[in-house]
Amino acid sequence: MAHAVGITPDRLEAAGRPDAAEVLQEIARPSTPAAMISALAGLEPWQRDVILRSLDARPRSRREKALLLRTLAEEIERQADADRDPPLGTEEAL
């Protein structure tokens, strides 16, 4: 409903509805890029099992699990980008 009438996640947070703000942020987020999906897809089966079991260590909603996995995929992608691109000003970049 908040999305339909243009209420922002920040406004929901201020109104004491962090849960609704999180859902609204998920709605507004563009679909997961293929690079993020491939970052997790490239894991060994045992690694995926470890991650999924750790997500079940405490009760979480499916949305929470998806957000955590998306965050993990983003971090993997950031690290991969950092490995590919040497920092500017270094001999490697020259």
PDB file of N, CA and C in Angstrom:
ATOM      1  N   MET A   1       0.827  -1.183   0.000  1.00  0.00           N
ATOM      2  CA  MET A   1       0.000   0.000   0.000  1.00  0.00           C
ATOM      3  C   MET A   1       0.875   1.252   0.000  1.00  0.00           C
ATOM      4  N   ALA A   2       1.933   1.235   0.821  1.00  0.00           N
ATOM      5  CA  ALA A   2       2.828   2.392   0.883  1.00  0.00           C
ATOM      6  C   ALA A   2       3.453   2.659  -0.479  1.00  0.00           C
ATOM      7  N   HIS A   3       3.823   1.603  -1.168  1.00  0.00           N
ATOM      8  CA  HIS A   3       4.408   1.737  -2.499  1.00  0.00           C
ATOM      9  C   HIS A   3       3.420   2.392  -3.464  1.00  0.00           C
ATOM     10  N   ALA A   4       2.181   1.984  -3.383  1.00  0.00           N
ATOM     11  CA  ALA A   4       1.150   2.492  -4.294  1.00  0.00           C
ATOM     12  C   ALA A   4       0.911   3.991  -4.124  1.00  0.00           C
ATOM     13  N   VAL A   5       1.056   4.482  -2.894  1.00  0.00           N
ATOM     14  CA  VAL A   5       0.783   5.902  -2.651  1.00  0.00           C
ATOM     15  C   VAL A   5       2.054   6.752  -2.558  1.00  0.00           C
ATOM     16  N   GLY A   6       3.225   6.126  -2.803  1.00  0.00           N
ATOM     17  CA  GLY A   6       4.464   6.881  -2.874  1.00  0.00           C
ATOM     18  C   GLY A   6       5.144   7.190  -1.553  1.00  0.00           C
ATOM     19  N   ILE A   7       4.844   6.436  -0.512  1.00  0.00           N
ATOM     20  CA  ILE A   7       5.528   6.639   0.770  1.00  0.00           C
ATOM     21  C   ILE A   7       6.919   6.023   0.676  1.00  0.00           C
ATOM     22  N   THR A   8       7.920   6.709   1.214  1.00  0.00           N
ATOM     23  CA  THR A   8       9.305   6.233   1.131  1.00  0.00           C
ATOM     24  C   THR A   8       9.637   5.315   2.306  1.00  0.00           C
ATOM     25  N   PRO A   9      10.654   4.467   2.133  1.00  0.00           N
ATOM     26  CA  PRO A   9      11.100   3.623   3.245  1.00  0.00           C
ATOM     27  C   PRO A   9      11.534   4.443   4.455  1.00  0.00           C
ATOM     28  N   ASP A  10      12.174   5.598   4.216  1.00  0.00           N
ATOM     29  CA  ASP A  10      12.605   6.451   5.332  1.00  0.00           C
ATOM     30  C   ASP A  10      11.413   6.917   6.162  1.00  0.00           C
ATOM     31  N   ARG A  11      10.346   7.254   5.473  1.00  0.00           N
ATOM     32  CA  ARG A  11       9.142   7.711   6.178  1.00  0.00           C
ATOM     33  C   ARG A  11       8.531   6.588   7.013  1.00  0.00           C
ATOM     34  N   LEU A  12       8.546   5.369   6.469  1.00  0.00           N
ATOM     35  CA  LEU A  12       8.046   4.225   7.239  1.00  0.00           C
ATOM     36  C   LEU A  12       8.914   3.968   8.463  1.00  0.00           C
ATOM     37  N   GLU A  13      10.238   4.092   8.292  1.00  0.00           N
ATOM     38  CA  GLU A  13      11.154   3.934   9.427  1.00  0.00           C
ATOM     39  C   GLU A  13      10.820   4.949  10.512  1.00  0.00           C
ATOM     40  N   ALA A  14      10.643   6.213  10.104  1.00  0.00           N
ATOM     41  CA  ALA A  14      10.344   7.283  11.053  1.00  0.00           C
ATOM     42  C   ALA A  14       9.022   7.052  11.769  1.00  0.00           C
ATOM     43  N   ALA A  15       8.108   6.354  11.097  1.00  0.00           N
ATOM     44  CA  ALA A  15       6.803   6.069  11.694  1.00  0.00           C
ATOM     45  C   ALA A  15       6.829   4.822  12.570  1.00  0.00           C
ATOM     46  N   GLY A  16       8.037   4.251  12.754  1.00  0.00           N
ATOM     47  CA  GLY A  16       8.145   3.083  13.610  1.00  0.00           C
ATOM     48  C   GLY A  16       7.802   1.765  12.926  1.00  0.00           C
ATOM     49  N   ARG A  17       7.917   1.725  11.599  1.00  0.00           N
ATOM     50  CA  ARG A  17       7.608   0.509  10.845  1.00  0.00           C
ATOM     51  C   ARG A  17       8.819   0.040  10.043  1.00  0.00           C
ATOM     52  N   PRO A  18       9.911  -0.352  10.740  1.00  0.00           N
ATOM     53  CA  PRO A  18      11.098  -0.802  10.010  1.00  0.00           C
ATOM     54  C   PRO A  18      10.824  -2.060   9.181  1.00  0.00           C
ATOM     55  N   ASP A  19       9.912  -2.888   9.624  1.00  0.00           N
ATOM     56  CA  ASP A  19       9.575  -4.097   8.877  1.00  0.00           C
ATOM     57  C   ASP A  19       8.957  -3.742   7.526  1.00  0.00           C
ATOM     58  N   ALA A  20       8.035  -2.797   7.541  1.00  0.00           N
ATOM     59  CA  ALA A  20       7.388  -2.363   6.304  1.00  0.00           C
ATOM     60  C   ALA A  20       8.378  -1.614   5.415  1.00  0.00           C
ATOM     61  N   ALA A  21       9.304  -0.864   6.038  1.00  0.00           N
ATOM     62  CA  ALA A  21      10.320  -0.141   5.259  1.00  0.00           C
ATOM     63  C   ALA A  21      11.212  -1.127   4.512  1.00  0.00           C
ATOM     64  N   GLU A  22      11.562  -2.227   5.169  1.00  0.00           N
ATOM     65  CA  GLU A  22      12.396  -3.250   4.533  1.00  0.00           C
ATOM     66  C   GLU A  22      11.682  -3.869   3.329  1.00  0.00           C
ATOM     67  N   VAL A  23      10.407  -4.164   3.493  1.00  0.00           N
ATOM     68  CA  VAL A  23       9.628  -4.736   2.392  1.00  0.00           C
ATOM     69  C   VAL A  23       9.558  -3.741   1.237  1.00  0.00           C
ATOM     70  N   LEU A  24       9.331  -2.477   1.550  1.00  0.00           N
ATOM     71  CA  LEU A  24       9.247  -1.450   0.512  1.00  0.00           C
ATOM     72  C   LEU A  24      10.579  -1.301  -0.220  1.00  0.00           C
ATOM     73  N   GLN A  25      11.682  -1.388   0.498  1.00  0.00           N
ATOM     74  CA  GLN A  25      12.996  -1.326  -0.141  1.00  0.00           C
ATOM     75  C   GLN A  25      13.176  -2.501  -1.098  1.00  0.00           C
ATOM     76  N   GLU A  26      12.715  -3.667  -0.704  1.00  0.00           N
ATOM     77  CA  GLU A  26      12.815  -4.843  -1.571  1.00  0.00           C
ATOM     78  C   GLU A  26      11.985  -4.664  -2.841  1.00  0.00           C
ATOM     79  N   ILE A  27      10.816  -4.077  -2.698  1.00  0.00           N
ATOM     80  CA  ILE A  27       9.953  -3.842  -3.861  1.00  0.00           C
ATOM     81  C   ILE A  27      10.635  -2.871  -4.824  1.00  0.00           C
ATOM     82  N   ALA A  28      11.271  -1.843  -4.272  1.00  0.00           N
ATOM     83  CA  ALA A  28      11.889  -0.801  -5.089  1.00  0.00           C
ATOM     84  C   ALA A  28      13.211  -1.247  -5.704  1.00  0.00           C
ATOM     85  N   ARG A  29      13.843  -2.264  -5.116  1.00  0.00           N
ATOM     86  CA  ARG A  29      15.143  -2.723  -5.604  1.00  0.00           C
ATOM     87  C   ARG A  29      14.991  -3.372  -6.974  1.00  0.00           C
ATOM     88  N   PRO A  30      15.899  -3.028  -7.890  1.00  0.00           N
ATOM     89  CA  PRO A  30      15.838  -3.674  -9.198  1.00  0.00           C
ATOM     90  C   PRO A  30      16.098  -5.171  -9.040  1.00  0.00           C
ATOM     91  N   SER A  31      15.658  -5.935 -10.000  1.00  0.00           N
ATOM     92  CA  SER A  31      15.841  -7.377  -9.906  1.00  0.00           C
ATOM     93  C   SER A  31      17.317  -7.714  -9.802  1.00  0.00           C
ATOM     94  N   THR A  32      17.600  -8.847  -9.202  1.00  0.00           N
ATOM     95  CA  THR A  32      18.967  -9.262  -8.947  1.00  0.00           C
ATOM     96  C   THR A  32      19.729  -9.458 -10.248  1.00  0.00           C
ATOM     97  N   PRO A  33      20.859  -8.758 -10.425  1.00  0.00           N
ATOM     98  CA  PRO A  33      21.640  -8.924 -11.645  1.00  0.00           C
ATOM     99  C   PRO A  33      22.191 -10.338 -11.772  1.00  0.00           C
ATOM    100  N   ALA A  34      22.397 -10.762 -13.000  1.00  0.00           N
ATOM    101  CA  ALA A  34      22.906 -12.109 -13.265  1.00  0.00           C
ATOM    102  C   ALA A  34      24.253 -12.326 -12.595  1.00  0.00           C
ATOM    103  N   ALA A  35      25.073 -11.273 -12.496  1.00  0.00           N
ATOM    104  CA  ALA A  35      26.393 -11.416 -11.874  1.00  0.00           C
ATOM    105  C   ALA A  35      26.270 -11.848 -10.420  1.00  0.00           C
ATOM    106  N   MET A  36      25.262 -11.308  -9.716  1.00  0.00           N
ATOM    107  CA  MET A  36      25.080 -11.691  -8.323  1.00  0.00           C
ATOM    108  C   MET A  36      24.611 -13.129  -8.219  1.00  0.00           C
ATOM    109  N   ILE A  37      23.720 -13.511  -9.098  1.00  0.00           N
ATOM    110  CA  ILE A  37      23.227 -14.876  -9.083  1.00  0.00           C
ATOM    111  C   ILE A  37      24.378 -15.826  -9.365  1.00  0.00           C
ATOM    112  N   SER A  38      25.217 -15.483 -10.337  1.00  0.00           N
ATOM    113  CA  SER A  38      26.320 -16.369 -10.680  1.00  0.00           C
ATOM    114  C   SER A  38      27.349 -16.440  -9.554  1.00  0.00           C
ATOM    115  N   ALA A  39      27.485 -15.389  -8.765  1.00  0.00           N
ATOM    116  CA  ALA A  39      28.425 -15.413  -7.653  1.00  0.00           C
ATOM    117  C   ALA A  39      28.059 -16.514  -6.663  1.00  0.00           C
ATOM    118  N   LEU A  40      26.785 -16.668  -6.387  1.00  0.00           N
ATOM    119  CA  LEU A  40      26.353 -17.741  -5.481  1.00  0.00           C
ATOM    120  C   LEU A  40      26.254 -19.074  -6.205  1.00  0.00           C
ATOM    121  N   ALA A  41      25.898 -19.048  -7.475  1.00  0.00           N
ATOM    122  CA  ALA A  41      25.764 -20.290  -8.232  1.00  0.00           C
ATOM    123  C   ALA A  41      27.113 -20.973  -8.392  1.00  0.00           C
ATOM    124  N   GLY A  42      28.194 -20.203  -8.341  1.00  0.00           N
ATOM    125  CA  GLY A  42      29.519 -20.772  -8.496  1.00  0.00           C
ATOM    126  C   GLY A  42      30.039 -21.486  -7.264  1.00  0.00           C
ATOM    127  N   LEU A  43      29.282 -21.469  -6.192  1.00  0.00           N
ATOM    128  CA  LEU A  43      29.713 -22.151  -4.974  1.00  0.00           C
ATOM    129  C   LEU A  43      29.574 -23.662  -5.130  1.00  0.00           C
ATOM    130  N   GLU A  44      30.416 -24.375  -4.420  1.00  0.00           N
ATOM    131  CA  GLU A  44      30.299 -25.831  -4.355  1.00  0.00           C
ATOM    132  C   GLU A  44      29.015 -26.176  -3.603  1.00  0.00           C
ATOM    133  N   PRO A  45      28.425 -27.331  -3.895  1.00  0.00           N
ATOM    134  CA  PRO A  45      27.189 -27.715  -3.182  1.00  0.00           C
ATOM    135  C   PRO A  45      27.340 -27.692  -1.664  1.00  0.00           C
ATOM    136  N   TRP A  46      28.474 -28.151  -1.154  1.00  0.00           N
ATOM    137  CA  TRP A  46      28.648 -28.166   0.293  1.00  0.00           C
ATOM    138  C   TRP A  46      28.692 -26.749   0.855  1.00  0.00           C
ATOM    139  N   GLN A  47      29.232 -25.792   0.065  1.00  0.00           N
ATOM    140  CA  GLN A  47      29.283 -24.410   0.522  1.00  0.00           C
ATOM    141  C   GLN A  47      27.874 -23.819   0.592  1.00  0.00           C
ATOM    142  N   ARG A  48      27.056 -24.103  -0.419  1.00  0.00           N
ATOM    143  CA  ARG A  48      25.664 -23.629  -0.387  1.00  0.00           C
ATOM    144  C   ARG A  48      24.934 -24.223   0.814  1.00  0.00           C
ATOM    145  N   ASP A  49      25.178 -25.516   1.097  1.00  0.00           N
ATOM    146  CA  ASP A  49      24.522 -26.159   2.236  1.00  0.00           C
ATOM    147  C   ASP A  49      24.906 -25.487   3.552  1.00  0.00           C
ATOM    148  N   VAL A  50      26.192 -25.164   3.684  1.00  0.00           N
ATOM    149  CA  VAL A  50      26.656 -24.494   4.905  1.00  0.00           C
ATOM    150  C   VAL A  50      25.955 -23.148   5.065  1.00  0.00           C
ATOM    151  N   ILE A  51      25.881 -22.391   3.978  1.00  0.00           N
ATOM    152  CA  ILE A  51      25.238 -21.067   4.028  1.00  0.00           C
ATOM    153  C   ILE A  51      23.760 -21.208   4.383  1.00  0.00           C
ATOM    154  N   LEU A  52      23.073 -22.110   3.710  1.00  0.00           N
ATOM    155  CA  LEU A  52      21.637 -22.273   3.976  1.00  0.00           C
ATOM    156  C   LEU A  52      21.384 -22.774   5.392  1.00  0.00           C
ATOM    157  N   ARG A  53      22.216 -23.687   5.885  1.00  0.00           N
ATOM    158  CA  ARG A  53      22.040 -24.157   7.272  1.00  0.00           C
ATOM    159  C   ARG A  53      22.295 -23.022   8.260  1.00  0.00           C
ATOM    160  N   SER A  54      23.278 -22.191   7.973  1.00  0.00           N
ATOM    161  CA  SER A  54      23.560 -21.083   8.893  1.00  0.00           C
ATOM    162  C   SER A  54      22.405 -20.080   8.905  1.00  0.00           C
ATOM    163  N   LEU A  55      21.717 -19.923   7.770  1.00  0.00           N
ATOM    164  CA  LEU A  55      20.547 -19.042   7.744  1.00  0.00           C
ATOM    165  C   LEU A  55      19.420 -19.604   8.597  1.00  0.00           C
ATOM    166  N   ASP A  56      19.385 -20.911   8.743  1.00  0.00           N
ATOM    167  CA  ASP A  56      18.344 -21.548   9.544  1.00  0.00           C
ATOM    168  C   ASP A  56      18.709 -21.646  11.026  1.00  0.00           C
ATOM    169  N   ALA A  57      19.889 -21.116  11.402  1.00  0.00           N
ATOM    170  CA  ALA A  57      20.332 -21.185  12.792  1.00  0.00           C
ATOM    171  C   ALA A  57      19.370 -20.454  13.728  1.00  0.00           C
ATOM    172  N   ARG A  58      18.683 -19.498  13.192  1.00  0.00           N
ATOM    173  CA  ARG A  58      17.631 -18.812  13.959  1.00  0.00           C
ATOM    174  C   ARG A  58      16.457 -18.587  13.014  1.00  0.00           C
ATOM    175  N   PRO A  59      15.267 -18.470  13.571  1.00  0.00           N
ATOM    176  CA  PRO A  59      14.090 -18.305  12.693  1.00  0.00           C
ATOM    177  C   PRO A  59      14.199 -17.033  11.846  1.00  0.00           C
ATOM    178  N   ARG A  60      14.012 -17.185  10.546  1.00  0.00           N
ATOM    179  CA  ARG A  60      14.033 -16.058   9.623  1.00  0.00           C
ATOM    180  C   ARG A  60      12.929 -16.260   8.597  1.00  0.00           C
ATOM    181  N   SER A  61      12.388 -15.168   8.149  1.00  0.00           N
ATOM    182  CA  SER A  61      11.399 -15.246   7.080  1.00  0.00           C
ATOM    183  C   SER A  61      12.120 -15.518   5.767  1.00  0.00           C
ATOM    184  N   ARG A  62      11.377 -15.942   4.764  1.00  0.00           N
ATOM    185  CA  ARG A  62      11.984 -16.147   3.441  1.00  0.00           C
ATOM    186  C   ARG A  62      12.547 -14.848   2.906  1.00  0.00           C
ATOM    187  N   ARG A  63      11.861 -13.765   3.175  1.00  0.00           N
ATOM    188  CA  ARG A  63      12.327 -12.454   2.714  1.00  0.00           C
ATOM    189  C   ARG A  63      13.663 -12.107   3.378  1.00  0.00           C
ATOM    190  N   GLU A  64      13.781 -12.389   4.674  1.00  0.00           N
ATOM    191  CA  GLU A  64      15.036 -12.129   5.381  1.00  0.00           C
ATOM    192  C   GLU A  64      16.168 -12.953   4.786  1.00  0.00           C
ATOM    193  N   LYS A  65      15.894 -14.234   4.535  1.00  0.00           N
ATOM    194  CA  LYS A  65      16.914 -15.097   3.942  1.00  0.00           C
ATOM    195  C   LYS A  65      17.324 -14.575   2.572  1.00  0.00           C
ATOM    196  N   ALA A  66      16.362 -14.164   1.769  1.00  0.00           N
ATOM    197  CA  ALA A  66      16.668 -13.647   0.438  1.00  0.00           C
ATOM    198  C   ALA A  66      17.518 -12.384   0.542  1.00  0.00           C
ATOM    199  N   LEU A  67      17.199 -11.510   1.474  1.00  0.00           N
ATOM    200  CA  LEU A  67      17.968 -10.280   1.657  1.00  0.00           C
ATOM    201  C   LEU A  67      19.400 -10.602   2.084  1.00  0.00           C
ATOM    202  N   LEU A  68      19.549 -11.545   2.998  1.00  0.00           N
ATOM    203  CA  LEU A  68      20.885 -11.928   3.442  1.00  0.00           C
ATOM    204  C   LEU A  68      21.695 -12.534   2.298  1.00  0.00           C
ATOM    205  N   LEU A  69      21.064 -13.384   1.512  1.00  0.00           N
ATOM    206  CA  LEU A  69      21.769 -13.988   0.381  1.00  0.00           C
ATOM    207  C   LEU A  69      22.128 -12.949  -0.671  1.00  0.00           C
ATOM    208  N   ARG A  70      21.241 -12.007  -0.913  1.00  0.00           N
ATOM    209  CA  ARG A  70      21.527 -10.938  -1.876  1.00  0.00           C
ATOM    210  C   ARG A  70      22.701 -10.095  -1.391  1.00  0.00           C
ATOM    211  N   THR A  71      22.719  -9.798  -0.093  1.00  0.00           N
ATOM    212  CA  THR A  71      23.813  -9.023   0.483  1.00  0.00           C
ATOM    213  C   THR A  71      25.131  -9.776   0.352  1.00  0.00           C
ATOM    214  N   LEU A  72      25.100 -11.077   0.612  1.00  0.00           N
ATOM    215  CA  LEU A  72      26.292 -11.906   0.468  1.00  0.00           C
ATOM    216  C   LEU A  72      26.773 -11.906  -0.979  1.00  0.00           C
ATOM    217  N   ALA A  73      25.856 -12.056  -1.914  1.00  0.00           N
ATOM    218  CA  ALA A  73      26.220 -12.053  -3.330  1.00  0.00           C
ATOM    219  C   ALA A  73      26.828 -10.712  -3.732  1.00  0.00           C
ATOM    220  N   GLU A  74      26.285  -9.611  -3.229  1.00  0.00           N
ATOM    221  CA  GLU A  74      26.835  -8.292  -3.535  1.00  0.00           C
ATOM    222  C   GLU A  74      28.263  -8.175  -3.011  1.00  0.00           C
ATOM    223  N   GLU A  75      28.505  -8.695  -1.813  1.00  0.00           N
ATOM    224  CA  GLU A  75      29.846  -8.635  -1.231  1.00  0.00           C
ATOM    225  C   GLU A  75      30.819  -9.486  -2.042  1.00  0.00           C
ATOM    226  N   ILE A  76      30.402 -10.664  -2.460  1.00  0.00           N
ATOM    227  CA  ILE A  76      31.253 -11.512  -3.299  1.00  0.00           C
ATOM    228  C   ILE A  76      31.586 -10.784  -4.593  1.00  0.00           C
ATOM    229  N   GLU A  77      30.604 -10.149  -5.186  1.00  0.00           N
ATOM    230  CA  GLU A  77      30.811  -9.421  -6.440  1.00  0.00           C
ATOM    231  C   GLU A  77      31.755  -8.242  -6.239  1.00  0.00           C
ATOM    232  N   ARG A  78      31.612  -7.500  -5.119  1.00  0.00           N
ATOM    233  CA  ARG A  78      32.519  -6.376  -4.822  1.00  0.00           C
ATOM    234  C   ARG A  78      33.953  -6.871  -4.704  1.00  0.00           C
ATOM    235  N   GLN A  79      34.127  -7.995  -4.009  1.00  0.00           N
ATOM    236  CA  GLN A  79      35.473  -8.542  -3.850  1.00  0.00           C
ATOM    237  C   GLN A  79      36.044  -8.984  -5.191  1.00  0.00           C
ATOM    238  N   ALA A  80      35.225  -9.575  -6.034  1.00  0.00           N
ATOM    239  CA  ALA A  80      35.680  -9.992  -7.356  1.00  0.00           C
ATOM    240  C   ALA A  80      36.078  -8.783  -8.187  1.00  0.00           C
ATOM    241  N   ASP A  81      35.304  -7.702  -8.112  1.00  0.00           N
ATOM    242  CA  ASP A  81      35.638  -6.473  -8.843  1.00  0.00           C
ATOM    243  C   ASP A  81      36.963  -5.900  -8.347  1.00  0.00           C
ATOM    244  N   ALA A  82      37.162  -5.928  -7.038  1.00  0.00           N
ATOM    245  CA  ALA A  82      38.397  -5.402  -6.461  1.00  0.00           C
ATOM    246  C   ALA A  82      39.589  -6.242  -6.907  1.00  0.00           C
ATOM    247  N   ASP A  83      39.399  -7.542  -7.040  1.00  0.00           N
ATOM    248  CA  ASP A  83      40.482  -8.413  -7.504  1.00  0.00           C
ATOM    249  C   ASP A  83      40.828  -8.155  -8.965  1.00  0.00           C
ATOM    250  N   ARG A  84      39.824  -7.783  -9.766  1.00  0.00           N
ATOM    251  CA  ARG A  84      40.041  -7.558 -11.199  1.00  0.00           C
ATOM    252  C   ARG A  84      40.678  -6.210 -11.484  1.00  0.00           C
ATOM    253  N   ASP A  85      40.308  -5.189 -10.737  1.00  0.00           N
ATOM    254  CA  ASP A  85      40.746  -3.824 -11.026  1.00  0.00           C
ATOM    255  C   ASP A  85      41.745  -3.355  -9.982  1.00  0.00           C
ATOM    256  N   PRO A  86      43.033  -3.224 -10.360  1.00  0.00           N
ATOM    257  CA  PRO A  86      44.001  -2.704  -9.387  1.00  0.00           C
ATOM    258  C   PRO A  86      43.687  -1.258  -9.037  1.00  0.00           C
ATOM    259  N   PRO A  87      43.950  -0.838  -7.818  1.00  0.00           N
ATOM    260  CA  PRO A  87      43.668   0.540  -7.411  1.00  0.00           C
ATOM    261  C   PRO A  87      44.420   1.542  -8.271  1.00  0.00           C
ATOM    262  N   LEU A  88      43.783   2.662  -8.575  1.00  0.00           N
ATOM    263  CA  LEU A  88      44.417   3.722  -9.343  1.00  0.00           C
ATOM    264  C   LEU A  88      45.647   4.233  -8.594  1.00  0.00           C
ATOM    265  N   GLY A  89      46.660   4.566  -9.349  1.00  0.00           N
ATOM    266  CA  GLY A  89      47.879   5.100  -8.724  1.00  0.00           C
ATOM    267  C   GLY A  89      48.876   4.018  -8.339  1.00  0.00           C
ATOM    268  N   THR A  90      48.546   2.754  -8.528  1.00  0.00           N
ATOM    269  CA  THR A  90      49.495   1.689  -8.211  1.00  0.00           C
ATOM    270  C   THR A  90      50.228   1.297  -9.483  1.00  0.00           C
ATOM    271  N   GLU A  91      51.366   0.638  -9.316  1.00  0.00           N
ATOM    272  CA  GLU A  91      52.130   0.196 -10.471  1.00  0.00           C
ATOM    273  C   GLU A  91      51.319  -0.782 -11.315  1.00  0.00           C
ATOM    274  N   GLU A  92      50.489  -1.601 -10.668  1.00  0.00           N
ATOM    275  CA  GLU A  92      49.676  -2.574 -11.395  1.00  0.00           C
ATOM    276  C   GLU A  92      48.716  -1.889 -12.338  1.00  0.00           C
ATOM    277  N   ALA A  93      48.225  -0.704 -11.956  1.00  0.00           N
ATOM    278  CA  ALA A  93      47.244   0.007 -12.777  1.00  0.00           C
ATOM    279  C   ALA A  93      47.902   0.695 -13.966  1.00  0.00           C
ATOM    280  N   LEU A  94      49.191   0.931 -13.897  1.00  0.00           N
ATOM    281  CA  LEU A  94      49.886   1.665 -14.964  1.00  0.00           C
ATOM    282  C   LEU A  94      50.148   0.819 -16.158  1.00  0.00           C
TER     283      LEU A  94
END
